[in-house]
Amino acid sequence: MATNALISNLEKLLGGPRDGALLRYSLGNEHLKAGNPEQAVAHLRTAVEQDARYSAAWKSLGRALHESGRPGEALAAYEQGILVAEARGDIQAAREMTVFARRLRRQMPTAGD
């Protein structure tokens, strides 16, 4: 199924009984694939608000924020995601977000620049 058709089908579920962190995470990821990082951010923020322990949603939120040109917010999302993933024992997600956060820190200007 094409990404736009999938987005349309997922959006039909918003506000219904299936509207939860998984639906928002799925919508956010599809918006990322479609090149709509701002829409992805909105859905992924809702996903982590609905389930603050959803480490995959934190990782995708960091990516969406980065692609939206908000490196500081992306770094904060990755750092929160790392804490969540470590607390859940999701070691692989924690490692991935640690790498992304490290790369982001290197790209960001320091206070003295």
N, C-alpha and C. Protein backbone atom coordinates (compact mmCIF):
# COMPACT_ATOMS: atom_id res chain seq x y z
N MET A 1 0.85 -1.18 0.00
CA MET A 1 0.00 0.00 0.00
C MET A 1 0.89 1.24 0.00
N ALA A 2 0.56 2.20 -0.82
CA ALA A 2 1.33 3.44 -0.89
C ALA A 2 1.23 4.18 0.44
N THR A 3 2.29 4.90 0.76
CA THR A 3 2.35 5.61 2.04
C THR A 3 1.17 6.56 2.22
N ASN A 4 0.83 7.34 1.18
CA ASN A 4 -0.27 8.29 1.32
C ASN A 4 -1.60 7.60 1.56
N ALA A 5 -1.82 6.46 0.91
CA ALA A 5 -3.06 5.71 1.13
C ALA A 5 -3.08 5.15 2.55
N LEU A 6 -1.93 4.69 3.02
CA LEU A 6 -1.83 4.16 4.38
C LEU A 6 -2.09 5.28 5.40
N ILE A 7 -1.52 6.45 5.14
CA ILE A 7 -1.75 7.60 6.03
C ILE A 7 -3.24 7.91 6.08
N SER A 8 -3.88 7.92 4.93
CA SER A 8 -5.31 8.21 4.87
C SER A 8 -6.11 7.19 5.68
N ASN A 9 -5.78 5.92 5.52
CA ASN A 9 -6.48 4.87 6.27
C ASN A 9 -6.25 4.98 7.77
N LEU A 10 -5.02 5.29 8.16
CA LEU A 10 -4.71 5.44 9.58
C LEU A 10 -5.42 6.65 10.17
N GLU A 11 -5.48 7.74 9.40
CA GLU A 11 -6.13 8.96 9.89
C GLU A 11 -7.61 8.74 10.16
N LYS A 12 -8.22 7.81 9.44
CA LYS A 12 -9.64 7.50 9.66
C LYS A 12 -9.87 6.92 11.06
N LEU A 13 -8.82 6.37 11.66
CA LEU A 13 -8.93 5.77 12.98
C LEU A 13 -8.76 6.78 14.12
N LEU A 14 -8.31 7.99 13.79
CA LEU A 14 -8.09 9.00 14.82
C LEU A 14 -9.40 9.35 15.51
N GLY A 15 -9.34 9.49 16.82
CA GLY A 15 -10.52 9.84 17.58
C GLY A 15 -11.43 8.66 17.91
N GLY A 16 -11.08 7.49 17.41
CA GLY A 16 -11.89 6.31 17.66
C GLY A 16 -11.30 5.45 18.77
N PRO A 17 -11.85 4.27 18.93
CA PRO A 17 -11.38 3.40 20.02
C PRO A 17 -9.93 2.92 19.83
N ARG A 18 -9.43 2.94 18.60
CA ARG A 18 -8.05 2.50 18.36
C ARG A 18 -7.04 3.64 18.41
N ASP A 19 -7.51 4.86 18.70
CA ASP A 19 -6.60 6.00 18.75
C ASP A 19 -5.76 5.92 20.02
N GLY A 20 -4.53 5.50 19.85
CA GLY A 20 -3.63 5.35 20.98
C GLY A 20 -2.20 5.53 20.52
N ALA A 21 -1.28 5.21 21.39
CA ALA A 21 0.14 5.42 21.10
C ALA A 21 0.60 4.66 19.85
N LEU A 22 0.13 3.44 19.65
CA LEU A 22 0.54 2.66 18.48
C LEU A 22 0.06 3.31 17.19
N LEU A 23 -1.19 3.76 17.16
CA LEU A 23 -1.72 4.43 15.96
C LEU A 23 -0.92 5.71 15.69
N ARG A 24 -0.66 6.49 16.72
CA ARG A 24 0.08 7.74 16.54
C ARG A 24 1.51 7.47 16.09
N TYR A 25 2.12 6.44 16.65
CA TYR A 25 3.47 6.05 16.24
C TYR A 25 3.48 5.64 14.77
N SER A 26 2.50 4.84 14.38
CA SER A 26 2.41 4.39 12.99
C SER A 26 2.20 5.57 12.04
N LEU A 27 1.33 6.48 12.40
CA LEU A 27 1.09 7.67 11.58
C LEU A 27 2.35 8.52 11.48
N GLY A 28 3.03 8.70 12.60
CA GLY A 28 4.26 9.48 12.59
C GLY A 28 5.30 8.88 11.67
N ASN A 29 5.47 7.58 11.74
CA ASN A 29 6.45 6.92 10.87
C ASN A 29 6.08 7.04 9.40
N GLU A 30 4.81 6.90 9.09
CA GLU A 30 4.37 7.03 7.69
C GLU A 30 4.59 8.45 7.19
N HIS A 31 4.34 9.42 8.04
CA HIS A 31 4.60 10.82 7.64
C HIS A 31 6.09 11.05 7.42
N LEU A 32 6.92 10.41 8.23
CA LEU A 32 8.37 10.51 8.01
C LEU A 32 8.74 9.94 6.65
N LYS A 33 8.20 8.77 6.33
CA LYS A 33 8.48 8.14 5.03
C LYS A 33 8.02 9.02 3.87
N ALA A 34 6.91 9.74 4.08
CA ALA A 34 6.33 10.58 3.03
C ALA A 34 7.02 11.94 2.93
N GLY A 35 7.99 12.19 3.82
CA GLY A 35 8.70 13.47 3.79
C GLY A 35 7.94 14.60 4.46
N ASN A 36 7.10 14.27 5.43
CA ASN A 36 6.33 15.27 6.18
C ASN A 36 6.75 15.28 7.65
N PRO A 37 7.96 15.74 7.95
CA PRO A 37 8.44 15.63 9.34
C PRO A 37 7.61 16.42 10.35
N GLU A 38 7.03 17.55 9.95
CA GLU A 38 6.23 18.33 10.90
C GLU A 38 4.99 17.55 11.34
N GLN A 39 4.30 16.91 10.38
CA GLN A 39 3.14 16.10 10.74
C GLN A 39 3.57 14.91 11.59
N ALA A 40 4.74 14.36 11.27
CA ALA A 40 5.27 13.24 12.06
C ALA A 40 5.49 13.67 13.50
N VAL A 41 6.07 14.85 13.69
CA VAL A 41 6.33 15.35 15.04
C VAL A 41 5.03 15.40 15.84
N ALA A 42 3.98 15.94 15.24
CA ALA A 42 2.70 16.07 15.96
C ALA A 42 2.19 14.71 16.44
N HIS A 43 2.20 13.72 15.57
CA HIS A 43 1.69 12.41 15.95
C HIS A 43 2.61 11.70 16.94
N LEU A 44 3.92 11.85 16.74
CA LEU A 44 4.86 11.17 17.64
C LEU A 44 4.87 11.81 19.03
N ARG A 45 4.68 13.11 19.10
CA ARG A 45 4.56 13.75 20.42
C ARG A 45 3.33 13.19 21.15
N THR A 46 2.24 13.04 20.42
CA THR A 46 1.04 12.48 21.03
C THR A 46 1.29 11.04 21.48
N ALA A 47 2.03 10.28 20.68
CA ALA A 47 2.34 8.89 21.05
C ALA A 47 3.08 8.83 22.37
N VAL A 48 4.09 9.68 22.56
CA VAL A 48 4.86 9.62 23.81
C VAL A 48 4.09 10.25 24.97
N GLU A 49 3.14 11.14 24.66
CA GLU A 49 2.28 11.65 25.73
C GLU A 49 1.33 10.54 26.21
N GLN A 50 0.86 9.72 25.27
CA GLN A 50 -0.06 8.64 25.63
C GLN A 50 0.67 7.47 26.28
N ASP A 51 1.92 7.25 25.91
CA ASP A 51 2.72 6.17 26.50
C ASP A 51 4.17 6.63 26.59
N ALA A 52 4.51 7.22 27.71
CA ALA A 52 5.86 7.79 27.91
C ALA A 52 6.95 6.72 27.92
N ARG A 53 6.55 5.44 27.97
CA ARG A 53 7.54 4.35 28.01
C ARG A 53 7.75 3.71 26.64
N TYR A 54 7.28 4.35 25.58
CA TYR A 54 7.33 3.82 24.21
C TYR A 54 8.66 4.25 23.57
N SER A 55 9.70 3.46 23.78
CA SER A 55 11.04 3.86 23.35
C SER A 55 11.14 4.04 21.84
N ALA A 56 10.46 3.22 21.05
CA ALA A 56 10.51 3.37 19.59
C ALA A 56 9.91 4.71 19.16
N ALA A 57 8.87 5.15 19.85
CA ALA A 57 8.26 6.44 19.52
C ALA A 57 9.21 7.58 19.85
N TRP A 58 9.95 7.48 20.95
CA TRP A 58 10.94 8.51 21.28
C TRP A 58 12.00 8.58 20.19
N LYS A 59 12.44 7.43 19.71
CA LYS A 59 13.47 7.40 18.67
C LYS A 59 12.95 8.07 17.39
N SER A 60 11.75 7.74 16.99
CA SER A 60 11.17 8.35 15.79
C SER A 60 10.91 9.83 15.99
N LEU A 61 10.51 10.23 17.19
CA LEU A 61 10.30 11.65 17.48
C LEU A 61 11.61 12.41 17.33
N GLY A 62 12.69 11.85 17.84
CA GLY A 62 14.00 12.50 17.68
C GLY A 62 14.34 12.68 16.21
N ARG A 63 14.11 11.65 15.42
CA ARG A 63 14.39 11.73 13.98
C ARG A 63 13.52 12.80 13.30
N ALA A 64 12.23 12.81 13.63
CA ALA A 64 11.31 13.77 13.02
C ALA A 64 11.69 15.21 13.39
N LEU A 65 12.06 15.42 14.63
CA LEU A 65 12.49 16.76 15.06
C LEU A 65 13.77 17.17 14.34
N HIS A 66 14.69 16.23 14.19
CA HIS A 66 15.94 16.52 13.48
C HIS A 66 15.64 16.90 12.04
N GLU A 67 14.78 16.11 11.39
CA GLU A 67 14.43 16.40 10.00
C GLU A 67 13.63 17.69 9.86
N SER A 68 13.02 18.15 10.96
CA SER A 68 12.27 19.41 10.95
C SER A 68 13.17 20.61 11.24
N GLY A 69 14.46 20.34 11.42
CA GLY A 69 15.40 21.43 11.67
C GLY A 69 15.39 21.91 13.11
N ARG A 70 15.07 21.03 14.03
CA ARG A 70 15.05 21.39 15.46
C ARG A 70 16.01 20.49 16.23
N PRO A 71 17.31 20.69 16.05
CA PRO A 71 18.29 19.78 16.66
C PRO A 71 18.25 19.75 18.18
N GLY A 72 17.99 20.89 18.82
CA GLY A 72 17.94 20.90 20.28
C GLY A 72 16.80 20.04 20.81
N GLU A 73 15.64 20.16 20.18
CA GLU A 73 14.49 19.35 20.59
C GLU A 73 14.72 17.88 20.26
N ALA A 74 15.39 17.64 19.13
CA ALA A 74 15.69 16.26 18.74
C ALA A 74 16.61 15.61 19.78
N LEU A 75 17.62 16.36 20.20
CA LEU A 75 18.55 15.84 21.20
C LEU A 75 17.82 15.54 22.50
N ALA A 76 16.92 16.43 22.91
CA ALA A 76 16.14 16.21 24.14
C ALA A 76 15.28 14.95 24.01
N ALA A 77 14.67 14.75 22.84
CA ALA A 77 13.85 13.55 22.63
C ALA A 77 14.71 12.29 22.70
N TYR A 78 15.88 12.32 22.06
CA TYR A 78 16.77 11.16 22.12
C TYR A 78 17.20 10.88 23.56
N GLU A 79 17.55 11.94 24.30
CA GLU A 79 18.01 11.74 25.68
C GLU A 79 16.90 11.13 26.54
N GLN A 80 15.67 11.61 26.36
CA GLN A 80 14.55 11.02 27.10
C GLN A 80 14.32 9.58 26.65
N GLY A 81 14.43 9.36 25.35
CA GLY A 81 14.25 8.02 24.81
C GLY A 81 15.28 7.04 25.34
N ILE A 82 16.50 7.50 25.50
CA ILE A 82 17.57 6.65 26.04
C ILE A 82 17.22 6.22 27.47
N LEU A 83 16.76 7.18 28.27
CA LEU A 83 16.37 6.86 29.65
C LEU A 83 15.24 5.83 29.67
N VAL A 84 14.24 6.04 28.82
CA VAL A 84 13.09 5.14 28.74
C VAL A 84 13.55 3.75 28.30
N ALA A 85 14.35 3.71 27.25
CA ALA A 85 14.80 2.41 26.71
C ALA A 85 15.63 1.65 27.74
N GLU A 86 16.53 2.35 28.42
CA GLU A 86 17.35 1.69 29.43
C GLU A 86 16.50 1.16 30.57
N ALA A 87 15.51 1.94 30.99
CA ALA A 87 14.63 1.52 32.09
C ALA A 87 13.82 0.28 31.69
N ARG A 88 13.50 0.16 30.42
CA ARG A 88 12.71 -0.98 29.93
C ARG A 88 13.58 -2.16 29.55
N GLY A 89 14.89 -1.98 29.52
CA GLY A 89 15.78 -3.06 29.10
C GLY A 89 15.86 -3.18 27.59
N ASP A 90 15.46 -2.12 26.88
CA ASP A 90 15.48 -2.10 25.42
C ASP A 90 16.86 -1.58 24.99
N ILE A 91 17.85 -2.44 25.14
CA ILE A 91 19.26 -2.06 24.96
C ILE A 91 19.56 -1.60 23.54
N GLN A 92 19.01 -2.27 22.54
CA GLN A 92 19.29 -1.90 21.14
C GLN A 92 18.78 -0.48 20.84
N ALA A 93 17.58 -0.17 21.26
CA ALA A 93 17.03 1.18 21.03
C ALA A 93 17.87 2.22 21.76
N ALA A 94 18.29 1.90 22.98
CA ALA A 94 19.13 2.84 23.73
C ALA A 94 20.45 3.08 23.00
N ARG A 95 21.05 2.02 22.48
CA ARG A 95 22.31 2.17 21.74
C ARG A 95 22.13 3.03 20.50
N GLU A 96 21.06 2.76 19.74
CA GLU A 96 20.81 3.53 18.52
C GLU A 96 20.62 5.00 18.84
N MET A 97 19.81 5.31 19.85
CA MET A 97 19.56 6.71 20.20
C MET A 97 20.82 7.37 20.74
N THR A 98 21.66 6.62 21.43
CA THR A 98 22.92 7.17 21.92
C THR A 98 23.79 7.59 20.74
N VAL A 99 23.85 6.77 19.71
CA VAL A 99 24.62 7.11 18.51
C VAL A 99 24.04 8.35 17.84
N PHE A 100 22.72 8.39 17.67
CA PHE A 100 22.08 9.55 17.03
C PHE A 100 22.33 10.81 17.84
N ALA A 101 22.22 10.71 19.16
CA ALA A 101 22.43 11.88 20.03
C ALA A 101 23.88 12.36 19.94
N ARG A 102 24.81 11.44 19.91
CA ARG A 102 26.23 11.80 19.80
C ARG A 102 26.49 12.54 18.49
N ARG A 103 25.94 12.02 17.39
CA ARG A 103 26.11 12.68 16.08
C ARG A 103 25.51 14.09 16.10
N LEU A 104 24.36 14.19 16.71
CA LEU A 104 23.67 15.47 16.77
C LEU A 104 24.47 16.48 17.58
N ARG A 105 25.00 16.04 18.71
CA ARG A 105 25.83 16.94 19.54
C ARG A 105 27.03 17.47 18.75
N ARG A 106 27.63 16.60 17.93
CA ARG A 106 28.78 17.01 17.11
C ARG A 106 28.40 18.06 16.08
N GLN A 107 27.17 17.97 15.56
CA GLN A 107 26.72 18.89 14.51
C GLN A 107 26.28 20.24 15.07
N MET A 108 25.88 20.26 16.33
CA MET A 108 25.33 21.47 16.92
C MET A 108 26.46 22.44 17.31
N PRO A 109 26.23 23.74 17.07
CA PRO A 109 27.24 24.72 17.48
C PRO A 109 27.33 24.76 19.00
N THR A 110 28.53 24.97 19.50
CA THR A 110 28.70 25.08 20.95
C THR A 110 28.50 26.53 21.37
N ALA A 111 28.38 26.75 22.66
CA ALA A 111 28.08 28.09 23.19
C ALA A 111 29.15 29.11 22.78
N GLY A 112 30.38 28.69 22.60
CA GLY A 112 31.45 29.61 22.27
C GLY A 112 31.58 29.95 20.80
N ASP A 113 30.80 29.30 19.94
CA ASP A 113 30.91 29.53 18.49
C ASP A 113 30.28 30.82 18.05
